[in-house]
Amino acid sequence: TNVFESVSRAYTTLTEAKKQRDRAPSNASSPQAPADHAIELFDRGCAAEVSGDLAGALQLFAASLRVDPQLRVFRRGASCALAAKQPKLALEYAKKAQTLASEDPSNARLLARAFRANGELPAAEEVLVFALALPIDNDSLMAELRADLVVVRKQLTQA
């Protein structure tokens, strides 16, 4: 029983300390780490994008990238820029995402979409052909890449 009582006291002490930390206001004197600030900006950008505030989301993604450039922010920013009809920004972000993870077929698809939005169809075709040559375990992604390539080639013949 002594062991049980000791464990119970230790558990109570630890859980009470956690409850107090959770209730206490954050310490304004301790600065937020840059990586944590970038994550907060990214999360706020995602929330703004979901709520339909694409301009606000793009501002938050840009701020997050200035603090800590991360692949997921470049990818989300590129998609958001495409939705916001800002193809040049989408292409800038998609190129950076592709540079960070060149063997990821989803990055290549995003880059091809950005090239298409900028009217750069030959570049979009080249990126899609490259992406289809990569090992792809996801059948849906493979189908989407093939469909995108069909659309780009159709647009190229019409141009």
N, C-alpha and C. Protein backbone atom coordinates (compact mmCIF):
# COMPACT_ATOMS: atom_id res chain seq x y z
N THR A 1 0.81 -1.21 0.00
CA THR A 1 0.00 0.00 0.00
C THR A 1 0.84 1.26 0.00
N ASN A 2 2.05 1.21 0.58
CA ASN A 2 2.92 2.38 0.57
C ASN A 2 3.27 2.80 -0.85
N VAL A 3 3.51 1.83 -1.71
CA VAL A 3 3.85 2.13 -3.10
C VAL A 3 2.65 2.79 -3.78
N PHE A 4 1.46 2.22 -3.53
CA PHE A 4 0.26 2.79 -4.14
C PHE A 4 0.04 4.22 -3.67
N GLU A 5 0.21 4.48 -2.38
CA GLU A 5 0.02 5.83 -1.84
C GLU A 5 1.05 6.79 -2.43
N SER A 6 2.28 6.35 -2.59
CA SER A 6 3.32 7.20 -3.17
C SER A 6 2.99 7.53 -4.63
N VAL A 7 2.56 6.54 -5.37
CA VAL A 7 2.20 6.76 -6.77
C VAL A 7 1.00 7.70 -6.86
N SER A 8 0.04 7.50 -5.99
CA SER A 8 -1.15 8.37 -5.99
C SER A 8 -0.79 9.81 -5.69
N ARG A 9 0.08 10.02 -4.67
CA ARG A 9 0.50 11.38 -4.34
C ARG A 9 1.27 12.02 -5.51
N ALA A 10 2.15 11.25 -6.11
CA ALA A 10 2.94 11.78 -7.25
C ALA A 10 2.01 12.15 -8.40
N TYR A 11 1.04 11.30 -8.68
CA TYR A 11 0.10 11.58 -9.77
C TYR A 11 -0.70 12.85 -9.47
N THR A 12 -1.18 12.96 -8.25
CA THR A 12 -1.95 14.15 -7.86
C THR A 12 -1.10 15.41 -7.98
N THR A 13 0.14 15.34 -7.52
CA THR A 13 1.04 16.49 -7.59
C THR A 13 1.26 16.90 -9.04
N LEU A 14 1.50 15.93 -9.91
CA LEU A 14 1.76 16.24 -11.32
C LEU A 14 0.52 16.80 -12.01
N THR A 15 -0.63 16.19 -11.78
CA THR A 15 -1.84 16.67 -12.46
C THR A 15 -2.26 18.05 -11.95
N GLU A 16 -2.06 18.32 -10.66
CA GLU A 16 -2.39 19.65 -10.12
C GLU A 16 -1.46 20.71 -10.72
N ALA A 17 -0.19 20.37 -10.85
CA ALA A 17 0.76 21.33 -11.45
C ALA A 17 0.37 21.62 -12.90
N LYS A 18 -0.04 20.60 -13.63
CA LYS A 18 -0.45 20.81 -15.03
C LYS A 18 -1.71 21.68 -15.09
N LYS A 19 -2.67 21.41 -14.20
CA LYS A 19 -3.89 22.22 -14.18
C LYS A 19 -3.57 23.68 -13.91
N GLN A 20 -2.65 23.94 -12.99
CA GLN A 20 -2.27 25.32 -12.69
C GLN A 20 -1.60 25.97 -13.89
N ARG A 21 -0.73 25.23 -14.58
CA ARG A 21 -0.08 25.78 -15.78
C ARG A 21 -1.10 26.10 -16.86
N ASP A 22 -2.08 25.22 -17.02
CA ASP A 22 -3.11 25.42 -18.03
C ASP A 22 -3.98 26.63 -17.72
N ARG A 23 -4.22 26.88 -16.44
CA ARG A 23 -5.05 28.01 -16.04
C ARG A 23 -4.30 29.32 -16.04
N ALA A 24 -3.00 29.26 -15.84
CA ALA A 24 -2.19 30.48 -15.74
C ALA A 24 -2.10 31.16 -17.10
N PRO A 25 -2.17 32.50 -17.12
CA PRO A 25 -1.99 33.21 -18.39
C PRO A 25 -0.56 32.99 -18.89
N SER A 26 -0.43 33.03 -20.21
CA SER A 26 0.90 32.81 -20.76
C SER A 26 1.84 33.91 -20.30
N ASN A 27 3.06 33.58 -20.10
CA ASN A 27 4.06 34.51 -19.60
C ASN A 27 4.51 35.42 -20.74
N ALA A 28 4.10 36.66 -20.71
CA ALA A 28 4.42 37.60 -21.78
C ALA A 28 5.91 37.93 -21.84
N SER A 29 6.63 37.65 -20.76
CA SER A 29 8.05 37.99 -20.77
C SER A 29 8.88 36.95 -21.53
N SER A 30 8.33 35.76 -21.76
CA SER A 30 9.09 34.76 -22.51
C SER A 30 8.64 34.82 -23.98
N PRO A 31 9.57 35.13 -24.87
CA PRO A 31 9.19 35.28 -26.28
C PRO A 31 8.86 33.93 -26.92
N GLN A 32 8.02 34.00 -27.92
CA GLN A 32 7.65 32.81 -28.66
C GLN A 32 8.79 32.45 -29.61
N ALA A 33 9.10 31.19 -29.71
CA ALA A 33 10.15 30.73 -30.61
C ALA A 33 9.71 31.01 -32.06
N PRO A 34 10.65 31.35 -32.95
CA PRO A 34 10.29 31.63 -34.34
C PRO A 34 9.51 30.49 -35.00
N ALA A 35 9.93 29.26 -34.78
CA ALA A 35 9.22 28.13 -35.40
C ALA A 35 7.78 28.05 -34.89
N ASP A 36 7.57 28.31 -33.60
CA ASP A 36 6.21 28.29 -33.04
C ASP A 36 5.38 29.44 -33.62
N HIS A 37 6.01 30.59 -33.79
CA HIS A 37 5.31 31.74 -34.37
C HIS A 37 4.92 31.44 -35.82
N ALA A 38 5.82 30.81 -36.56
CA ALA A 38 5.52 30.46 -37.96
C ALA A 38 4.36 29.47 -38.03
N ILE A 39 4.33 28.51 -37.11
CA ILE A 39 3.24 27.54 -37.08
C ILE A 39 1.92 28.25 -36.76
N GLU A 40 1.96 29.17 -35.82
CA GLU A 40 0.75 29.93 -35.47
C GLU A 40 0.25 30.73 -36.68
N LEU A 41 1.17 31.38 -37.39
CA LEU A 41 0.78 32.14 -38.58
C LEU A 41 0.20 31.23 -39.64
N PHE A 42 0.83 30.08 -39.85
CA PHE A 42 0.33 29.11 -40.83
C PHE A 42 -1.07 28.64 -40.45
N ASP A 43 -1.28 28.28 -39.20
CA ASP A 43 -2.60 27.82 -38.76
C ASP A 43 -3.65 28.90 -38.95
N ARG A 44 -3.30 30.14 -38.63
CA ARG A 44 -4.24 31.25 -38.84
C ARG A 44 -4.52 31.46 -40.33
N GLY A 45 -3.48 31.27 -41.16
CA GLY A 45 -3.65 31.38 -42.61
C GLY A 45 -4.60 30.31 -43.13
N CYS A 46 -4.45 29.09 -42.63
CA CYS A 46 -5.34 28.00 -43.04
C CYS A 46 -6.78 28.31 -42.64
N ALA A 47 -6.96 28.83 -41.44
CA ALA A 47 -8.31 29.18 -40.98
C ALA A 47 -8.90 30.29 -41.85
N ALA A 48 -8.09 31.27 -42.20
CA ALA A 48 -8.56 32.36 -43.06
C ALA A 48 -8.93 31.82 -44.43
N GLU A 49 -8.12 30.93 -44.96
CA GLU A 49 -8.41 30.35 -46.28
C GLU A 49 -9.72 29.58 -46.26
N VAL A 50 -9.90 28.76 -45.25
CA VAL A 50 -11.12 27.96 -45.13
C VAL A 50 -12.35 28.85 -45.00
N SER A 51 -12.19 29.98 -44.31
CA SER A 51 -13.33 30.89 -44.13
C SER A 51 -13.59 31.76 -45.36
N GLY A 52 -12.72 31.65 -46.37
CA GLY A 52 -12.92 32.40 -47.60
C GLY A 52 -12.11 33.67 -47.73
N ASP A 53 -11.33 33.99 -46.73
CA ASP A 53 -10.49 35.20 -46.77
C ASP A 53 -9.14 34.85 -47.41
N LEU A 54 -9.14 34.72 -48.74
CA LEU A 54 -7.93 34.29 -49.43
C LEU A 54 -6.81 35.33 -49.34
N ALA A 55 -7.17 36.60 -49.42
CA ALA A 55 -6.15 37.65 -49.31
C ALA A 55 -5.49 37.64 -47.94
N GLY A 56 -6.30 37.51 -46.91
CA GLY A 56 -5.77 37.44 -45.55
C GLY A 56 -4.92 36.20 -45.35
N ALA A 57 -5.37 35.08 -45.91
CA ALA A 57 -4.62 33.83 -45.81
C ALA A 57 -3.26 33.98 -46.48
N LEU A 58 -3.23 34.59 -47.66
CA LEU A 58 -1.95 34.76 -48.36
C LEU A 58 -1.00 35.64 -47.57
N GLN A 59 -1.53 36.66 -46.91
CA GLN A 59 -0.67 37.51 -46.08
C GLN A 59 -0.08 36.71 -44.92
N LEU A 60 -0.90 35.88 -44.30
CA LEU A 60 -0.43 35.07 -43.18
C LEU A 60 0.57 34.01 -43.63
N PHE A 61 0.35 33.41 -44.80
CA PHE A 61 1.30 32.43 -45.32
C PHE A 61 2.64 33.11 -45.63
N ALA A 62 2.58 34.31 -46.21
CA ALA A 62 3.81 35.05 -46.52
C ALA A 62 4.56 35.37 -45.23
N ALA A 63 3.84 35.78 -44.20
CA ALA A 63 4.48 36.09 -42.92
C ALA A 63 5.12 34.83 -42.32
N SER A 64 4.42 33.72 -42.41
CA SER A 64 4.96 32.46 -41.90
C SER A 64 6.24 32.08 -42.64
N LEU A 65 6.25 32.28 -43.95
CA LEU A 65 7.42 31.94 -44.76
C LEU A 65 8.61 32.84 -44.44
N ARG A 66 8.33 34.10 -44.12
CA ARG A 66 9.43 35.01 -43.74
C ARG A 66 10.09 34.56 -42.44
N VAL A 67 9.29 34.01 -41.53
CA VAL A 67 9.82 33.58 -40.24
C VAL A 67 10.53 32.23 -40.35
N ASP A 68 9.90 31.28 -41.06
CA ASP A 68 10.45 29.92 -41.13
C ASP A 68 9.92 29.25 -42.41
N PRO A 69 10.68 29.34 -43.50
CA PRO A 69 10.20 28.76 -44.77
C PRO A 69 10.08 27.24 -44.70
N GLN A 70 8.86 26.76 -44.83
CA GLN A 70 8.57 25.33 -44.75
C GLN A 70 7.81 24.87 -46.00
N LEU A 71 8.07 23.64 -46.39
CA LEU A 71 7.45 23.05 -47.57
C LEU A 71 5.92 23.15 -47.52
N ARG A 72 5.33 22.78 -46.41
CA ARG A 72 3.86 22.77 -46.36
C ARG A 72 3.28 24.16 -46.53
N VAL A 73 4.01 25.19 -46.11
CA VAL A 73 3.49 26.56 -46.27
C VAL A 73 3.60 26.98 -47.73
N PHE A 74 4.70 26.61 -48.39
CA PHE A 74 4.81 26.91 -49.82
C PHE A 74 3.69 26.22 -50.60
N ARG A 75 3.43 24.96 -50.26
CA ARG A 75 2.39 24.21 -50.97
C ARG A 75 1.01 24.83 -50.73
N ARG A 76 0.70 25.09 -49.48
CA ARG A 76 -0.62 25.65 -49.16
C ARG A 76 -0.76 27.05 -49.73
N GLY A 77 0.33 27.81 -49.68
CA GLY A 77 0.31 29.15 -50.26
C GLY A 77 0.10 29.13 -51.76
N ALA A 78 0.72 28.17 -52.44
CA ALA A 78 0.54 28.05 -53.90
C ALA A 78 -0.90 27.71 -54.23
N SER A 79 -1.48 26.77 -53.51
CA SER A 79 -2.88 26.40 -53.75
C SER A 79 -3.81 27.58 -53.48
N CYS A 80 -3.54 28.29 -52.40
CA CYS A 80 -4.36 29.45 -52.05
C CYS A 80 -4.22 30.54 -53.11
N ALA A 81 -3.01 30.76 -53.59
CA ALA A 81 -2.78 31.79 -54.62
C ALA A 81 -3.52 31.42 -55.91
N LEU A 82 -3.54 30.13 -56.25
CA LEU A 82 -4.30 29.72 -57.43
C LEU A 82 -5.78 30.02 -57.24
N ALA A 83 -6.30 29.70 -56.07
CA ALA A 83 -7.72 29.97 -55.79
C ALA A 83 -8.01 31.47 -55.79
N ALA A 84 -7.02 32.26 -55.39
CA ALA A 84 -7.19 33.72 -55.32
C ALA A 84 -6.90 34.40 -56.67
N LYS A 85 -6.66 33.59 -57.69
CA LYS A 85 -6.36 34.12 -59.04
C LYS A 85 -5.11 34.99 -59.04
N GLN A 86 -4.08 34.50 -58.31
CA GLN A 86 -2.77 35.16 -58.29
C GLN A 86 -1.74 34.16 -58.83
N PRO A 87 -1.76 33.94 -60.16
CA PRO A 87 -0.92 32.89 -60.73
C PRO A 87 0.58 33.10 -60.57
N LYS A 88 1.03 34.34 -60.59
CA LYS A 88 2.48 34.57 -60.44
C LYS A 88 2.96 34.16 -59.05
N LEU A 89 2.19 34.52 -58.03
CA LEU A 89 2.54 34.12 -56.67
C LEU A 89 2.46 32.61 -56.53
N ALA A 90 1.43 32.01 -57.13
CA ALA A 90 1.29 30.55 -57.08
C ALA A 90 2.50 29.88 -57.70
N LEU A 91 2.97 30.39 -58.82
CA LEU A 91 4.13 29.81 -59.49
C LEU A 91 5.39 29.97 -58.63
N GLU A 92 5.55 31.13 -58.02
CA GLU A 92 6.71 31.35 -57.15
C GLU A 92 6.73 30.33 -56.01
N TYR A 93 5.60 30.17 -55.34
CA TYR A 93 5.53 29.23 -54.22
C TYR A 93 5.67 27.79 -54.69
N ALA A 94 5.04 27.45 -55.80
CA ALA A 94 5.12 26.07 -56.30
C ALA A 94 6.54 25.71 -56.72
N LYS A 95 7.26 26.66 -57.30
CA LYS A 95 8.66 26.40 -57.66
C LYS A 95 9.50 26.13 -56.41
N LYS A 96 9.26 26.90 -55.37
CA LYS A 96 10.02 26.71 -54.13
C LYS A 96 9.67 25.37 -53.49
N ALA A 97 8.41 24.99 -53.53
CA ALA A 97 8.01 23.69 -52.99
C ALA A 97 8.67 22.56 -53.78
N GLN A 98 8.69 22.70 -55.09
CA GLN A 98 9.31 21.69 -55.95
C GLN A 98 10.81 21.59 -55.68
N THR A 99 11.44 22.71 -55.42
CA THR A 99 12.87 22.70 -55.11
C THR A 99 13.13 21.96 -53.80
N LEU A 100 12.24 22.13 -52.83
CA LEU A 100 12.42 21.48 -51.53
C LEU A 100 12.13 19.98 -51.56
N ALA A 101 11.25 19.56 -52.45
CA ALA A 101 10.88 18.13 -52.53
C ALA A 101 10.63 17.76 -53.98
N SER A 102 11.70 17.68 -54.75
CA SER A 102 11.57 17.48 -56.20
C SER A 102 11.09 16.10 -56.59
N GLU A 103 11.18 15.13 -55.70
CA GLU A 103 10.73 13.78 -56.02
C GLU A 103 9.30 13.50 -55.57
N ASP A 104 8.60 14.54 -55.15
CA ASP A 104 7.21 14.38 -54.70
C ASP A 104 6.28 14.71 -55.87
N PRO A 105 5.55 13.72 -56.38
CA PRO A 105 4.68 13.97 -57.53
C PRO A 105 3.57 14.98 -57.26
N SER A 106 3.12 15.10 -55.99
CA SER A 106 2.09 16.11 -55.71
C SER A 106 2.63 17.51 -55.87
N ASN A 107 3.91 17.71 -55.53
CA ASN A 107 4.53 19.02 -55.75
C ASN A 107 4.60 19.31 -57.24
N ALA A 108 4.96 18.29 -58.02
CA ALA A 108 5.03 18.47 -59.47
C ALA A 108 3.66 18.82 -60.03
N ARG A 109 2.63 18.18 -59.53
CA ARG A 109 1.27 18.48 -60.01
C ARG A 109 0.90 19.93 -59.69
N LEU A 110 1.24 20.36 -58.49
CA LEU A 110 0.97 21.74 -58.10
C LEU A 110 1.74 22.72 -58.99
N LEU A 111 2.99 22.40 -59.28
CA LEU A 111 3.79 23.25 -60.16
C LEU A 111 3.19 23.30 -61.56
N ALA A 112 2.74 22.16 -62.05
CA ALA A 112 2.11 22.13 -63.38
C ALA A 112 0.83 22.98 -63.39
N ARG A 113 0.06 22.92 -62.34
CA ARG A 113 -1.15 23.75 -62.25
C ARG A 113 -0.78 25.23 -62.28
N ALA A 114 0.30 25.58 -61.59
CA ALA A 114 0.74 26.99 -61.56
C ALA A 114 1.24 27.41 -62.94
N PHE A 115 1.98 26.54 -63.63
CA PHE A 115 2.41 26.86 -64.98
C PHE A 115 1.20 27.06 -65.89
N ARG A 116 0.21 26.19 -65.78
CA ARG A 116 -1.02 26.33 -66.59
C ARG A 116 -1.70 27.66 -66.31
N ALA A 117 -1.81 28.02 -65.06
CA ALA A 117 -2.47 29.28 -64.69
C ALA A 117 -1.73 30.48 -65.26
N ASN A 118 -0.43 30.34 -65.48
CA ASN A 118 0.38 31.41 -66.06
C ASN A 118 0.48 31.31 -67.58
N GLY A 119 -0.22 30.35 -68.16
CA GLY A 119 -0.21 30.18 -69.61
C GLY A 119 1.05 29.53 -70.15
N GLU A 120 1.82 28.91 -69.28
CA GLU A 120 3.06 28.26 -69.69
C GLU A 120 2.80 26.77 -69.89
N LEU A 121 2.08 26.45 -70.95
CA LEU A 121 1.64 25.08 -71.19
C LEU A 121 2.79 24.10 -71.47
N PRO A 122 3.81 24.48 -72.27
CA PRO A 122 4.90 23.53 -72.47
C PRO A 122 5.62 23.15 -71.16
N ALA A 123 5.79 24.12 -70.29
CA ALA A 123 6.42 23.84 -69.00
C ALA A 123 5.52 22.94 -68.15
N ALA A 124 4.22 23.18 -68.20
CA ALA A 124 3.27 22.33 -67.46
C ALA A 124 3.34 20.90 -67.96
N GLU A 125 3.39 20.74 -69.28
CA GLU A 125 3.48 19.39 -69.87
C GLU A 125 4.77 18.69 -69.42
N GLU A 126 5.86 19.41 -69.46
CA GLU A 126 7.16 18.84 -69.07
C GLU A 126 7.14 18.37 -67.61
N VAL A 127 6.57 19.17 -66.74
CA VAL A 127 6.52 18.83 -65.32
C VAL A 127 5.62 17.61 -65.10
N LEU A 128 4.51 17.53 -65.81
CA LEU A 128 3.61 16.39 -65.65
C LEU A 128 4.24 15.10 -66.16
N VAL A 129 4.95 15.18 -67.28
CA VAL A 129 5.66 14.00 -67.79
C VAL A 129 6.70 13.55 -66.77
N PHE A 130 7.41 14.50 -66.21
CA PHE A 130 8.39 14.19 -65.16
C PHE A 130 7.71 13.52 -63.97
N ALA A 131 6.59 14.07 -63.53
CA ALA A 131 5.88 13.53 -62.37
C ALA A 131 5.41 12.11 -62.62
N LEU A 132 4.93 11.85 -63.82
CA LEU A 132 4.45 10.50 -64.13
C LEU A 132 5.59 9.48 -64.19
N ALA A 133 6.81 9.95 -64.35
CA ALA A 133 7.96 9.04 -64.36
C ALA A 133 8.43 8.70 -62.95
N LEU A 134 7.94 9.43 -61.96
CA LEU A 134 8.32 9.17 -60.57
C LEU A 134 7.55 7.96 -60.03
N PRO A 135 8.12 7.27 -59.05
CA PRO A 135 7.35 6.17 -58.43
C PRO A 135 6.17 6.75 -57.65
N ILE A 136 4.97 6.28 -57.98
CA ILE A 136 3.75 6.80 -57.35
C ILE A 136 2.95 5.62 -56.82
N ASP A 137 2.74 5.61 -55.51
CA ASP A 137 1.96 4.54 -54.87
C ASP A 137 0.47 4.86 -54.82
N ASN A 138 0.13 6.10 -55.04
CA ASN A 138 -1.24 6.57 -54.90
C ASN A 138 -1.93 6.53 -56.27
N ASP A 139 -2.89 5.62 -56.43
CA ASP A 139 -3.60 5.48 -57.71
C ASP A 139 -4.40 6.73 -58.07
N SER A 140 -4.96 7.38 -57.08
CA SER A 140 -5.74 8.60 -57.35
C SER A 140 -4.84 9.70 -57.90
N LEU A 141 -3.68 9.87 -57.28
CA LEU A 141 -2.74 10.88 -57.75
C LEU A 141 -2.27 10.56 -59.17
N MET A 142 -2.00 9.30 -59.44
CA MET A 142 -1.59 8.88 -60.78
C MET A 142 -2.67 9.24 -61.80
N ALA A 143 -3.92 8.96 -61.47
CA ALA A 143 -5.03 9.27 -62.36
C ALA A 143 -5.16 10.78 -62.57
N GLU A 144 -4.98 11.55 -61.50
CA GLU A 144 -5.08 13.00 -61.61
C GLU A 144 -3.96 13.56 -62.48
N LEU A 145 -2.75 13.03 -62.32
CA LEU A 145 -1.63 13.48 -63.16
C LEU A 145 -1.90 13.17 -64.63
N ARG A 146 -2.39 11.99 -64.91
CA ARG A 146 -2.72 11.61 -66.30
C ARG A 146 -3.80 12.51 -66.88
N ALA A 147 -4.84 12.76 -66.08
CA ALA A 147 -5.92 13.63 -66.53
C ALA A 147 -5.41 15.04 -66.79
N ASP A 148 -4.56 15.54 -65.89
CA ASP A 148 -3.98 16.88 -66.09
C ASP A 148 -3.16 16.94 -67.38
N LEU A 149 -2.40 15.88 -67.65
CA LEU A 149 -1.59 15.84 -68.86
C LEU A 149 -2.46 15.84 -70.11
N VAL A 150 -3.56 15.13 -70.08
CA VAL A 150 -4.50 15.11 -71.22
C VAL A 150 -5.02 16.53 -71.46
N VAL A 151 -5.41 17.22 -70.40
CA VAL A 151 -5.95 18.58 -70.53
C VAL A 151 -4.88 19.52 -71.09
N VAL A 152 -3.65 19.44 -70.57
CA VAL A 152 -2.59 20.32 -71.04
C VAL A 152 -2.28 20.06 -72.51
N ARG A 153 -2.21 18.80 -72.89
CA ARG A 153 -1.93 18.48 -74.30
C ARG A 153 -3.05 18.92 -75.21
N LYS A 154 -4.27 18.84 -74.74
CA LYS A 154 -5.40 19.34 -75.53
C LYS A 154 -5.28 20.86 -75.71
N GLN A 155 -4.94 21.55 -74.64
CA GLN A 155 -4.78 23.00 -74.71
C GLN A 155 -3.61 23.37 -75.64
N LEU A 156 -2.55 22.57 -75.62
CA LEU A 156 -1.40 22.83 -76.50
C LEU A 156 -1.79 22.68 -77.97
N THR A 157 -2.63 21.71 -78.29
CA THR A 157 -3.02 21.52 -79.70
C THR A 157 -3.99 22.63 -80.14
N GLN A 158 -4.72 23.19 -79.21
CA GLN A 158 -5.66 24.26 -79.55
C GLN A 158 -4.97 25.62 -79.65
N ALA A 159 -3.79 25.71 -79.09
CA ALA A 159 -3.10 27.02 -79.07
C ALA A 159 -2.46 27.34 -80.40
